[in-house]
Amino acid sequence: MIAIITILILLTCVVLGFFVLVQNPKGGGLSGTFGSISSQVMGVKQSTDVMEKGTWASMGIIAGLCILSIMFASKPQVDNAANGKAPATKSAPAKGAANTPK
């Protein structure tokens, strides 16, 4: 089940990347902010509603799938040495008379 969720997360990331790359640029980025004075103080160009809703929906789906993947993740093996318990020792096989050299 975790493999299916991982594949869905990856596909949704590709869709999110598509929505982000298709949108029109809003401004000059850091160079536009610090390099020159813009006519718009705090305003940005409004992207289309479909693109904006698609971006938010994709981010929400990715977040939901990540939270869902935690529910299906397997629990790690518990190490007895880490819990303060003495590790189980293996006893050596008993040496009989057949194993002694003559």
Protein backbone atom coordinates (compact mmCIF):
# COMPACT_ATOMS: atom_id res chain seq x y z
CA MET A 1 0.00 0.00 0.00
CA ILE A 2 2.87 2.35 0.76
CA ALA A 3 4.17 1.91 -2.81
CA ILE A 4 0.83 3.04 -4.26
CA ILE A 5 0.75 6.09 -2.00
CA THR A 6 4.34 6.95 -2.95
CA ILE A 7 3.49 6.75 -6.65
CA LEU A 8 0.45 8.99 -6.10
CA ILE A 9 2.61 11.52 -4.24
CA LEU A 10 5.11 11.59 -7.12
CA LEU A 11 2.38 12.02 -9.74
CA THR A 12 0.80 14.83 -7.73
CA CYS A 13 4.20 16.53 -7.46
CA VAL A 14 4.46 16.47 -11.25
CA VAL A 15 0.98 18.00 -11.54
CA LEU A 16 1.94 20.68 -8.99
CA GLY A 17 5.08 21.47 -10.97
CA PHE A 18 2.94 21.82 -14.09
CA PHE A 19 0.60 24.29 -12.38
CA VAL A 20 3.52 26.34 -11.07
CA LEU A 21 5.37 26.46 -14.38
CA VAL A 22 2.29 27.33 -16.47
CA GLN A 23 1.40 30.41 -14.41
CA ASN A 24 2.52 33.82 -15.59
CA PRO A 25 5.42 35.29 -13.65
CA LYS A 26 4.28 37.79 -11.03
CA GLY A 27 7.29 40.09 -11.06
CA GLY A 28 11.03 40.34 -11.13
CA GLY A 29 11.69 38.25 -8.05
CA LEU A 30 14.53 39.45 -5.84
CA SER A 31 16.09 41.55 -8.57
CA GLY A 32 12.79 43.36 -9.17
CA THR A 33 12.19 43.90 -5.49
CA PHE A 34 15.58 45.31 -4.54
CA GLY A 35 16.96 46.50 -7.88
CA SER A 36 14.32 48.96 -9.01
CA ILE A 37 11.28 50.73 -7.73
CA SER A 38 8.09 49.16 -8.99
CA SER A 39 4.82 50.93 -9.65
CA GLN A 40 2.96 48.28 -7.66
CA VAL A 41 3.76 48.45 -3.98
CA MET A 42 2.09 45.32 -2.65
CA GLY A 43 0.03 44.17 -5.62
CA VAL A 44 0.69 41.24 -7.90
CA LYS A 45 -0.95 40.15 -11.09
CA GLN A 46 -3.83 37.80 -10.38
CA SER A 47 -3.42 34.41 -11.98
CA THR A 48 -6.40 32.57 -13.33
CA ASP A 49 -8.62 30.94 -10.77
CA VAL A 50 -8.15 27.48 -12.28
CA MET A 51 -4.38 27.67 -11.94
CA GLU A 52 -4.51 29.00 -8.40
CA LYS A 53 -7.09 26.45 -7.27
CA GLY A 54 -5.13 23.68 -8.97
CA THR A 55 -1.96 24.71 -7.15
CA TRP A 56 -3.66 24.77 -3.76
CA ALA A 57 -5.51 21.51 -4.43
CA SER A 58 -2.27 19.79 -5.48
CA MET A 59 -0.50 20.98 -2.34
CA GLY A 60 -3.41 19.79 -0.20
CA ILE A 61 -3.44 16.37 -1.87
CA ILE A 62 0.31 15.98 -1.36
CA ALA A 63 -0.03 16.91 2.31
CA GLY A 64 -2.93 14.50 2.78
CA LEU A 65 -1.10 11.65 1.06
CA CYS A 66 2.01 12.25 3.18
CA ILE A 67 -0.07 12.07 6.35
CA LEU A 68 -1.84 8.96 5.02
CA SER A 69 1.48 7.29 4.24
CA ILE A 70 2.47 7.50 7.91
CA MET A 71 -0.53 5.38 8.82
CA PHE A 72 0.62 2.57 6.51
CA ALA A 73 4.33 2.74 7.35
CA SER A 74 5.68 -0.32 9.12
CA LYS A 75 6.97 -0.02 12.63
CA PRO A 76 10.74 -0.39 13.04
CA GLN A 77 12.22 -3.44 14.74
CA VAL A 78 12.97 -2.92 18.42
CA ASP A 79 16.58 -3.49 19.39
CA ASN A 80 16.91 -5.07 22.83
CA ALA A 81 20.28 -3.42 23.45
CA ALA A 82 18.77 0.02 22.90
CA ASN A 83 16.05 -0.68 25.47
CA GLY A 84 18.53 -1.53 28.19
CA LYS A 85 17.81 -5.24 28.10
CA ALA A 86 20.67 -7.68 27.96
CA PRO A 87 21.06 -9.17 24.50
CA ALA A 88 20.26 -12.82 24.18
CA THR A 89 23.48 -14.83 24.24
CA LYS A 90 23.88 -17.93 22.20
CA SER A 91 25.29 -20.85 24.10
CA ALA A 92 28.15 -22.73 22.55
CA PRO A 93 27.45 -26.34 21.64
CA ALA A 94 28.52 -28.81 24.27
CA LYS A 95 31.83 -30.45 23.53
CA GLY A 96 31.53 -34.17 23.78
CA ALA A 97 34.13 -36.96 23.92
CA ALA A 98 33.95 -37.30 20.14
CA ASN A 99 35.43 -33.82 19.65
CA THR A 100 38.50 -34.29 21.87
CA PRO A 101 41.81 -35.04 20.07
CA LYS A 102 43.59 -38.31 20.92
